Amino acid sequence: MALFFKKFTEGAKILAKRPSFSKDPRQLQFQADINRLFLYSSYNQLGKSADEANVEEIIEMANKASFADQQMQVQENVHSQIKAFCTFMDEILLPDKKMVNDFSELSRQTNTLPHRSGLSFAVGRSNTPINPDVPQTRPLSQAEVSQKLKNQLGFTLDVKSSQIPHKDAGQGLFLDGAADVGAVIAFYPGVVYSPAFYRYIPGYPKVDAQNPYLITRYDGNVINAQPWGSGGEVREPWNGRIMGEIKPNVKGAEKGSEKFWKLLSKPLEGNKLGSKNEILERRNPLALAHFANHPPKGVQPNVMICPYDFPLTEDNMRVYIPNVMFGNGEVNMRRFGSFWFKSGVSRKSASSTNAATLKTLVLVATRALEDEEVLLNYRLSNTKGRPQWYAPVDEEEDRRRWS
């Protein structure tokens, strides 16, 4: 596996120098990242049977494929893995036919009971209606779901004290089990803000001053994981307006985010405009990517960020995608340098052939992992002050990312 990893690394460096790659530094880095993700995720699709010949073939495929084709293949590879994950979660959480029938009867009886009297409150009887919009699931705790997923998938995630030797490391994300190179190991949960709704991010304009759980996609969508916290113990309607519980001793590390406060200097209230309720599985064991720490000096990251555009037509999978979109998502924006402007064309009037998607992020393993801390290159901007603990993995990549 070490030889395969070396070949992939060398292949990615060679491909990044192709004349067809963008001359714009930011786009160049995006293309280089997609190229790496193409190599890793394609290798993962081959499974245990992959060998050195397959590695050479994948590198050759990457050499011939256009950037658009690679991007599409990465989406397909990631979606295939997430679909398998959702199937496992269904097997773990969905009740059998008898449980469904029992629940239906209980729901009918509960919702037809008369209003409670003062005496019923005094003796502690409960006739709280069961929410018919939330499908019944097995009464498993978050920890139980996590263990069962490990039995099915081969790994799960855990949040505990980081092994990184600096005082600001706090808690870290750990992989419990084993995952192959190219495996999707975590979702970055929370509320997704498109550039049109930056002003509604809590704390705007200095949004990252008190929030280390913000992350930005290359297309400008920002995900705020702070409301998700550490997840929950139920499947429920969720809109990101209620702050989730963050376990004690969380890291105080400041993640990099763009200076997207340049347009306005005052935050807006988004109560009426905010994200709508989506029924989400809060026990999702992989919705913890926001706890991953940056590697210490001299240590390479073992995962990388991957943009994942979840197709909203996949109704059966939606409950396991731990994100909601803020606003109506209809405003089309264009970027000019560090600024975003309305383009004058709404997404409603755009081509109807483009299926609606939810712009999310996942973490993909860049090598085989087993019972170890998950380390993600934060790529903090080098145009602003960075914390003392931050050791650049690749200064040139940081520069291109935020150019």
Protein backbone atom coordinates (compact mmCIF):
# COMPACT_ATOMS: atom_id res chain seq x y z
CA MET A 1 0.00 0.00 0.00
CA ALA A 2 2.88 2.40 0.72
CA LEU A 3 4.12 1.89 -2.85
CA PHE A 4 0.64 2.60 -4.24
CA PHE A 5 0.37 5.77 -2.16
CA LYS A 6 3.76 6.96 -3.45
CA LYS A 7 2.73 6.33 -7.04
CA PHE A 8 -0.51 8.25 -6.58
CA THR A 9 1.34 11.19 -5.01
CA GLU A 10 3.85 11.30 -7.85
CA GLY A 11 1.09 10.92 -10.42
CA ALA A 12 -0.88 13.81 -8.97
CA LYS A 13 2.17 16.11 -9.05
CA ILE A 14 2.85 15.27 -12.70
CA LEU A 15 -0.77 15.74 -13.77
CA ALA A 16 -0.99 19.09 -11.99
CA LYS A 17 1.65 20.43 -14.39
CA ARG A 18 -0.39 19.62 -17.51
CA PRO A 19 -0.89 22.58 -19.88
CA SER A 20 -4.65 22.00 -19.75
CA PHE A 21 -4.72 22.95 -16.06
CA SER A 22 -5.87 26.47 -15.25
CA LYS A 23 -3.42 29.35 -15.01
CA ASP A 24 -5.53 30.95 -12.28
CA PRO A 25 -3.87 29.91 -9.00
CA ARG A 26 -7.12 29.25 -7.14
CA GLN A 27 -8.63 27.21 -9.96
CA LEU A 28 -5.32 25.41 -10.44
CA GLN A 29 -5.39 24.24 -6.83
CA PHE A 30 -9.00 23.14 -7.18
CA GLN A 31 -8.14 21.11 -10.29
CA ALA A 32 -5.13 19.57 -8.53
CA ASP A 33 -7.36 18.56 -5.60
CA ILE A 34 -9.98 17.02 -7.89
CA ASN A 35 -7.21 15.14 -9.67
CA ARG A 36 -6.03 13.62 -6.39
CA LEU A 37 -9.58 12.77 -5.42
CA PHE A 38 -10.06 11.09 -8.80
CA LEU A 39 -7.03 8.89 -8.16
CA TYR A 40 -7.94 7.98 -4.57
CA SER A 41 -11.67 7.42 -5.07
CA SER A 42 -11.20 5.45 -8.29
CA TYR A 43 -8.74 3.18 -6.55
CA ASN A 44 -11.21 2.67 -3.72
CA GLN A 45 -13.89 1.58 -6.19
CA LEU A 46 -11.72 -1.39 -7.18
CA GLY A 47 -11.85 -2.79 -3.65
CA LYS A 48 -9.49 -5.42 -2.25
CA SER A 49 -8.56 -6.73 -5.69
CA ALA A 50 -6.63 -3.58 -6.64
CA ASP A 51 -2.94 -4.05 -7.53
CA GLU A 52 -0.04 -2.09 -8.98
CA ALA A 53 -1.31 -2.54 -12.53
CA ASN A 54 -4.60 -0.93 -11.51
CA VAL A 55 -2.71 2.03 -10.06
CA GLU A 56 -0.90 2.60 -13.36
CA GLU A 57 -4.19 2.28 -15.25
CA ILE A 58 -5.94 4.84 -13.01
CA ILE A 59 -3.06 7.31 -13.42
CA GLU A 60 -3.26 6.83 -17.18
CA MET A 61 -7.03 7.42 -17.09
CA ALA A 62 -6.47 10.63 -15.14
CA ASN A 63 -3.89 11.72 -17.71
CA LYS A 64 -6.44 11.39 -20.52
CA ALA A 65 -9.61 12.56 -18.80
CA SER A 66 -10.67 16.19 -18.87
CA PHE A 67 -11.14 18.11 -15.63
CA ALA A 68 -14.92 18.03 -16.09
CA ASP A 69 -14.86 14.26 -16.57
CA GLN A 70 -12.68 13.78 -13.49
CA GLN A 71 -14.98 15.99 -11.44
CA MET A 72 -18.00 13.98 -12.56
CA GLN A 73 -16.27 10.68 -11.78
CA VAL A 74 -15.32 11.85 -8.30
CA GLN A 75 -18.96 12.71 -7.65
CA GLU A 76 -20.06 9.27 -8.84
CA ASN A 77 -17.42 7.47 -6.77
CA VAL A 78 -18.29 9.42 -3.61
CA HIS A 79 -22.03 9.05 -4.18
CA SER A 80 -21.63 5.29 -4.57
CA GLN A 81 -19.92 5.06 -1.18
CA ILE A 82 -22.47 7.29 0.53
CA LYS A 83 -25.29 5.23 -0.95
CA ALA A 84 -23.76 2.11 0.58
CA PHE A 85 -23.44 3.93 3.91
CA CYS A 86 -27.12 4.92 3.78
CA THR A 87 -28.07 1.31 3.09
CA PHE A 88 -26.15 0.19 6.19
CA MET A 89 -27.85 2.89 8.26
CA ASP A 90 -31.27 1.77 7.05
CA GLU A 91 -30.46 -1.80 8.05
CA ILE A 92 -29.43 -0.58 11.50
CA LEU A 93 -32.24 1.86 12.19
CA LEU A 94 -35.33 0.96 10.20
CA PRO A 95 -37.78 -1.24 12.13
CA ASP A 96 -39.20 -4.52 10.92
CA LYS A 97 -42.83 -4.82 9.78
CA LYS A 98 -44.15 -5.78 13.24
CA MET A 99 -42.55 -2.71 14.84
CA VAL A 100 -44.11 -0.49 12.16
CA ASN A 101 -47.56 -1.94 12.80
CA ASP A 102 -47.18 -1.53 16.58
CA PHE A 103 -46.04 2.07 16.10
CA SER A 104 -48.97 2.86 13.82
CA GLU A 105 -51.42 1.56 16.42
CA LEU A 106 -49.69 3.47 19.23
CA SER A 107 -49.69 6.65 17.15
CA ARG A 108 -53.42 6.28 16.41
CA GLN A 109 -54.28 5.72 20.07
CA THR A 110 -52.01 8.50 21.32
CA ASN A 111 -53.28 11.15 18.95
CA THR A 112 -56.94 10.37 19.67
CA LEU A 113 -56.68 10.65 23.46
CA PRO A 114 -58.63 13.52 25.09
CA HIS A 115 -56.87 16.64 26.34
CA ARG A 116 -55.03 16.14 29.60
CA SER A 117 -56.62 17.23 32.85
CA GLY A 118 -54.87 18.77 35.81
CA LEU A 119 -55.04 15.38 37.52
CA SER A 120 -53.23 13.67 34.65
CA PHE A 121 -50.40 16.18 34.96
CA ALA A 122 -50.26 15.52 38.69
CA VAL A 123 -49.93 11.76 38.32
CA GLY A 124 -47.51 12.01 35.44
CA ARG A 125 -49.45 10.48 32.56
CA SER A 126 -48.23 11.42 29.11
CA ASN A 127 -50.21 11.69 25.91
CA THR A 128 -47.76 13.73 23.88
CA PRO A 129 -48.66 13.19 20.20
CA ILE A 130 -46.13 11.28 18.14
CA ASN A 131 -44.89 13.32 15.18
CA PRO A 132 -46.32 11.49 12.15
CA ASP A 133 -43.84 13.23 9.83
CA VAL A 134 -40.86 11.49 11.44
CA PRO A 135 -40.66 7.81 10.48
CA GLN A 136 -40.16 5.47 13.40
CA THR A 137 -36.69 4.06 13.95
CA ARG A 138 -35.23 1.53 16.34
CA PRO A 139 -34.69 2.96 19.84
CA LEU A 140 -30.90 2.89 19.67
CA SER A 141 -28.55 5.40 21.26
CA GLN A 142 -25.96 7.29 19.24
CA ALA A 143 -23.24 5.04 20.71
CA GLU A 144 -25.16 1.89 19.78
CA VAL A 145 -25.69 3.10 16.21
CA SER A 146 -21.98 3.90 15.97
CA GLN A 147 -20.95 0.40 17.07
CA LYS A 148 -23.39 -1.26 14.70
CA LEU A 149 -22.09 0.85 11.82
CA LYS A 150 -18.54 -0.26 12.62
CA ASN A 151 -19.71 -3.87 12.42
CA GLN A 152 -21.19 -3.20 8.97
CA LEU A 153 -18.79 -0.69 7.42
CA GLY A 154 -15.57 -1.67 9.15
CA PHE A 155 -15.08 1.67 10.89
CA THR A 156 -16.81 4.45 12.77
CA LEU A 157 -15.71 7.74 14.33
CA ASP A 158 -15.03 8.88 17.86
CA VAL A 159 -14.35 12.30 19.40
CA LYS A 160 -11.85 12.37 22.25
CA SER A 161 -8.76 14.22 23.47
CA SER A 162 -6.39 14.94 20.61
CA GLN A 163 -2.91 13.45 20.55
CA ILE A 164 -1.46 16.61 19.02
CA PRO A 165 1.02 18.14 21.50
CA HIS A 166 -0.18 21.72 21.84
CA LYS A 167 -2.59 23.29 24.33
CA ASP A 168 -5.13 24.42 21.73
CA ALA A 169 -5.61 20.98 20.20
CA GLY A 170 -8.50 20.13 22.54
CA GLN A 171 -10.59 17.29 21.18
CA GLY A 172 -9.81 15.47 17.98
CA LEU A 173 -11.51 13.11 15.57
CA PHE A 174 -10.47 9.46 15.61
CA LEU A 175 -11.17 6.64 13.21
CA ASP A 176 -12.18 3.49 15.10
CA GLY A 177 -11.53 0.55 12.78
CA ALA A 178 -9.93 0.45 9.33
CA ALA A 179 -10.64 2.36 6.11
CA ASP A 180 -8.98 2.05 2.71
CA VAL A 181 -7.44 4.87 0.71
CA GLY A 182 -10.17 6.82 -1.08
CA ALA A 183 -12.84 5.94 1.51
CA VAL A 184 -15.37 8.59 2.51
CA ILE A 185 -14.93 8.63 6.28
CA ALA A 186 -16.86 11.70 7.46
CA PHE A 187 -19.49 14.33 6.60
CA TYR A 188 -19.04 18.02 7.40
CA PRO A 189 -22.45 18.76 8.97
CA GLY A 190 -24.37 21.96 9.52
CA VAL A 191 -26.00 24.89 7.76
CA VAL A 192 -24.88 25.72 4.20
CA TYR A 193 -24.73 29.41 3.26
CA SER A 194 -24.41 30.38 -0.39
CA PRO A 195 -22.59 33.69 -1.13
CA ALA A 196 -25.95 35.48 -1.39
CA PHE A 197 -26.58 34.78 2.31
CA TYR A 198 -23.17 35.46 3.88
CA ARG A 199 -24.69 38.34 5.87
CA TYR A 200 -26.88 35.90 7.79
CA ILE A 201 -23.99 33.84 9.16
CA PRO A 202 -24.00 34.28 12.97
CA GLY A 203 -21.38 36.80 14.07
CA TYR A 204 -21.16 38.50 10.68
CA PRO A 205 -18.96 40.23 9.62
CA LYS A 206 -16.25 38.64 11.84
CA VAL A 207 -17.86 35.23 11.52
CA ASP A 208 -14.84 33.14 12.47
CA ALA A 209 -13.89 35.15 15.56
CA GLN A 210 -15.84 32.88 17.93
CA ASN A 211 -16.62 29.96 15.63
CA PRO A 212 -13.91 27.44 14.70
CA TYR A 213 -16.41 25.23 12.86
CA LEU A 214 -16.74 27.16 9.60
CA ILE A 215 -15.40 25.84 6.31
CA THR A 216 -15.58 27.16 2.74
CA ARG A 217 -15.96 25.22 -0.50
CA TYR A 218 -14.17 26.37 -3.65
CA ASP A 219 -17.51 27.56 -5.08
CA GLY A 220 -17.96 29.93 -2.14
CA ASN A 221 -20.56 27.97 -0.15
CA VAL A 222 -19.81 28.17 3.58
CA ILE A 223 -20.80 25.40 6.00
CA ASN A 224 -21.33 26.25 9.66
CA ALA A 225 -21.08 23.07 11.74
CA GLN A 226 -21.47 24.79 15.10
CA PRO A 227 -25.28 24.28 15.30
CA TRP A 228 -24.86 20.54 14.68
CA GLY A 229 -22.62 20.11 17.70
CA SER A 230 -21.93 16.44 18.41
CA GLY A 231 -25.18 15.26 16.85
CA GLY A 232 -28.05 13.90 18.91
CA GLU A 233 -30.00 10.87 20.04
CA VAL A 234 -33.01 10.94 17.70
CA ARG A 235 -34.21 11.38 14.14
CA GLU A 236 -35.95 14.72 14.08
CA PRO A 237 -36.85 17.86 12.11
CA TRP A 238 -33.75 20.11 12.15
CA ASN A 239 -33.07 23.55 10.72
CA GLY A 240 -29.83 24.58 12.40
CA ARG A 241 -31.38 27.38 14.46
CA ILE A 242 -30.93 25.57 17.77
CA MET A 243 -27.31 25.31 18.83
CA GLY A 244 -26.14 21.72 19.16
CA GLU A 245 -24.20 20.50 22.14
CA ILE A 246 -20.43 20.60 21.75
CA LYS A 247 -18.72 18.19 24.09
CA PRO A 248 -16.33 19.68 26.70
CA ASN A 249 -12.74 20.60 25.87
CA VAL A 250 -13.38 21.24 22.20
CA LYS A 251 -10.47 22.67 20.29
CA GLY A 252 -10.08 26.40 20.11
CA ALA A 253 -8.40 26.18 16.73
CA GLU A 254 -9.46 28.87 14.30
CA LYS A 255 -10.18 27.42 10.85
CA GLY A 256 -9.43 29.59 7.85
CA SER A 257 -12.27 31.34 6.09
CA GLU A 258 -12.38 33.91 3.34
CA LYS A 259 -12.77 37.60 4.06
CA PHE A 260 -16.35 37.48 2.90
CA TRP A 261 -17.41 40.38 5.16
CA LYS A 262 -16.33 42.98 2.61
CA LEU A 263 -19.77 43.62 1.14
CA LEU A 264 -21.55 44.75 4.32
CA SER A 265 -20.50 45.47 7.88
CA LYS A 266 -23.66 44.51 9.72
CA PRO A 267 -25.22 41.07 10.28
CA LEU A 268 -28.82 40.49 9.24
CA GLU A 269 -31.50 38.64 11.13
CA GLY A 270 -32.56 35.54 9.23
CA ASN A 271 -35.43 34.19 11.31
CA LYS A 272 -37.96 34.50 8.50
CA LEU A 273 -35.55 33.63 5.74
CA GLY A 274 -33.62 30.84 7.41
CA SER A 275 -33.33 27.16 6.61
CA LYS A 276 -36.44 25.03 6.61
CA ASN A 277 -36.95 21.96 8.75
CA GLU A 278 -35.50 18.77 7.30
CA ILE A 279 -35.93 15.39 8.96
CA LEU A 280 -32.34 14.36 9.69
CA GLU A 281 -30.76 11.43 11.50
CA ARG A 282 -28.95 13.15 14.36
CA ARG A 283 -27.33 9.85 15.42
CA ASN A 284 -25.26 9.79 12.21
CA PRO A 285 -21.88 8.44 13.42
CA LEU A 286 -19.96 9.99 10.51
CA ALA A 287 -21.30 13.57 10.86
CA LEU A 288 -18.26 14.69 12.86
CA ALA A 289 -15.75 16.02 10.32
CA HIS A 290 -15.66 19.41 12.07
CA PHE A 291 -13.69 17.83 14.95
CA ALA A 292 -10.71 16.92 12.74
CA ASN A 293 -7.51 18.72 13.74
CA HIS A 294 -4.71 20.15 11.59
CA PRO A 295 -1.55 17.99 11.69
CA PRO A 296 1.45 19.10 13.76
CA LYS A 297 4.70 20.13 12.10
CA GLY A 298 6.35 17.31 10.17
CA VAL A 299 3.20 15.15 10.02
CA GLN A 300 1.21 14.69 6.81
CA PRO A 301 -2.61 14.88 6.77
CA ASN A 302 -4.37 11.56 6.20
CA VAL A 303 -7.63 12.92 4.76
CA MET A 304 -8.62 15.68 2.36
CA ILE A 305 -11.73 17.73 1.75
CA CYS A 306 -13.98 16.63 -1.10
CA PRO A 307 -16.92 18.67 -2.42
CA TYR A 308 -20.03 16.50 -2.66
CA ASP A 309 -23.14 17.76 -4.42
CA PHE A 310 -25.90 15.61 -3.00
CA PRO A 311 -28.77 15.14 -5.49
CA LEU A 312 -31.98 16.08 -3.71
CA THR A 313 -33.86 13.61 -5.87
CA GLU A 314 -32.42 10.84 -3.67
CA ASP A 315 -35.23 10.99 -1.12
CA ASN A 316 -34.29 7.74 0.61
CA MET A 317 -30.78 9.04 1.39
CA ARG A 318 -31.69 12.59 2.44
CA VAL A 319 -32.14 11.81 6.13
CA TYR A 320 -28.45 10.78 6.41
CA ILE A 321 -27.02 13.93 4.78
CA PRO A 322 -26.43 16.17 7.85
CA ASN A 323 -26.89 19.54 6.19
CA VAL A 324 -29.59 22.12 5.53
CA MET A 325 -29.49 25.04 3.12
CA PHE A 326 -29.98 28.54 4.45
CA GLY A 327 -32.45 30.65 2.45
CA ASN A 328 -34.12 29.64 -0.78
CA GLY A 329 -30.87 29.05 -2.67
CA GLU A 330 -32.29 30.76 -5.75
CA VAL A 331 -29.88 33.71 -6.03
CA ASN A 332 -27.17 33.26 -8.64
CA MET A 333 -23.89 34.93 -7.68
CA ARG A 334 -20.65 35.56 -9.54
CA ARG A 335 -17.24 36.07 -7.99
CA PHE A 336 -14.89 38.93 -8.88
CA GLY A 337 -11.71 38.66 -6.84
CA SER A 338 -12.77 38.54 -3.19
CA PHE A 339 -16.21 40.00 -3.92
CA TRP A 340 -19.51 38.33 -4.82
CA PHE A 341 -22.22 40.01 -6.92
CA LYS A 342 -25.66 39.00 -8.16
CA SER A 343 -25.42 37.93 -11.79
CA GLY A 344 -29.00 38.89 -12.62
CA VAL A 345 -29.95 35.33 -13.57
CA SER A 346 -31.87 33.28 -11.03
CA ARG A 347 -31.36 29.59 -10.74
CA LYS A 348 -35.04 29.10 -11.50
CA SER A 349 -34.47 30.50 -14.96
CA ALA A 350 -31.34 28.45 -15.50
CA SER A 351 -31.39 25.20 -17.43
CA SER A 352 -34.02 22.90 -16.00
CA THR A 353 -31.80 19.93 -16.82
CA ASN A 354 -29.62 20.71 -13.82
CA ALA A 355 -31.03 18.69 -10.94
CA ALA A 356 -31.20 20.43 -7.56
CA THR A 357 -28.29 19.58 -5.28
CA LEU A 358 -27.20 20.31 -1.73
CA LYS A 359 -23.62 21.63 -1.65
CA THR A 360 -21.81 19.66 1.03
CA LEU A 361 -18.33 18.45 1.98
CA VAL A 362 -16.94 15.06 3.01
CA LEU A 363 -13.53 13.84 4.13
CA VAL A 364 -11.74 11.27 1.95
CA ALA A 365 -8.85 9.13 3.20
CA THR A 366 -5.57 9.80 1.36
CA ARG A 367 -4.03 6.56 2.62
CA ALA A 368 -5.13 3.43 4.46
CA LEU A 369 -6.24 4.33 8.00
CA GLU A 370 -6.55 2.19 11.11
CA ASP A 371 -7.37 3.21 14.70
CA GLU A 372 -5.78 6.66 14.47
CA GLU A 373 -6.47 10.36 14.69
CA VAL A 374 -7.92 12.01 11.59
CA LEU A 375 -5.76 14.92 10.41
CA LEU A 376 -6.96 17.50 7.90
CA ASN A 377 -4.87 20.22 6.26
CA TYR A 378 -6.71 23.43 7.23
CA ARG A 379 -4.95 25.47 4.55
CA LEU A 380 -5.28 28.70 6.48
CA SER A 381 -4.91 31.88 4.47
CA ASN A 382 -1.38 33.29 4.54
CA THR A 383 -2.72 36.82 3.99
CA LYS A 384 -3.85 37.12 7.61
CA GLY A 385 -2.43 36.26 10.99
CA ARG A 386 -2.32 32.55 11.66
CA PRO A 387 -2.25 30.91 15.11
CA GLN A 388 1.13 29.88 16.52
CA TRP A 389 0.30 26.19 16.40
CA TYR A 390 -0.36 26.27 12.64
CA ALA A 391 2.40 24.60 10.60
CA PRO A 392 1.75 24.80 6.85
CA VAL A 393 1.69 21.43 5.12
CA ASP A 394 2.40 23.12 1.79
CA GLU A 395 2.78 26.90 1.77
CA GLU A 396 2.34 27.06 -1.98
CA GLU A 397 -0.99 25.22 -1.79
CA ASP A 398 -2.17 27.63 0.93
CA ARG A 399 -1.24 30.59 -1.28
CA ARG A 400 -3.04 29.20 -4.33
CA ARG A 401 -6.13 28.24 -2.31
CA TRP A 402 -6.66 31.79 -1.06
CA SER A 403 -5.28 33.77 -4.01
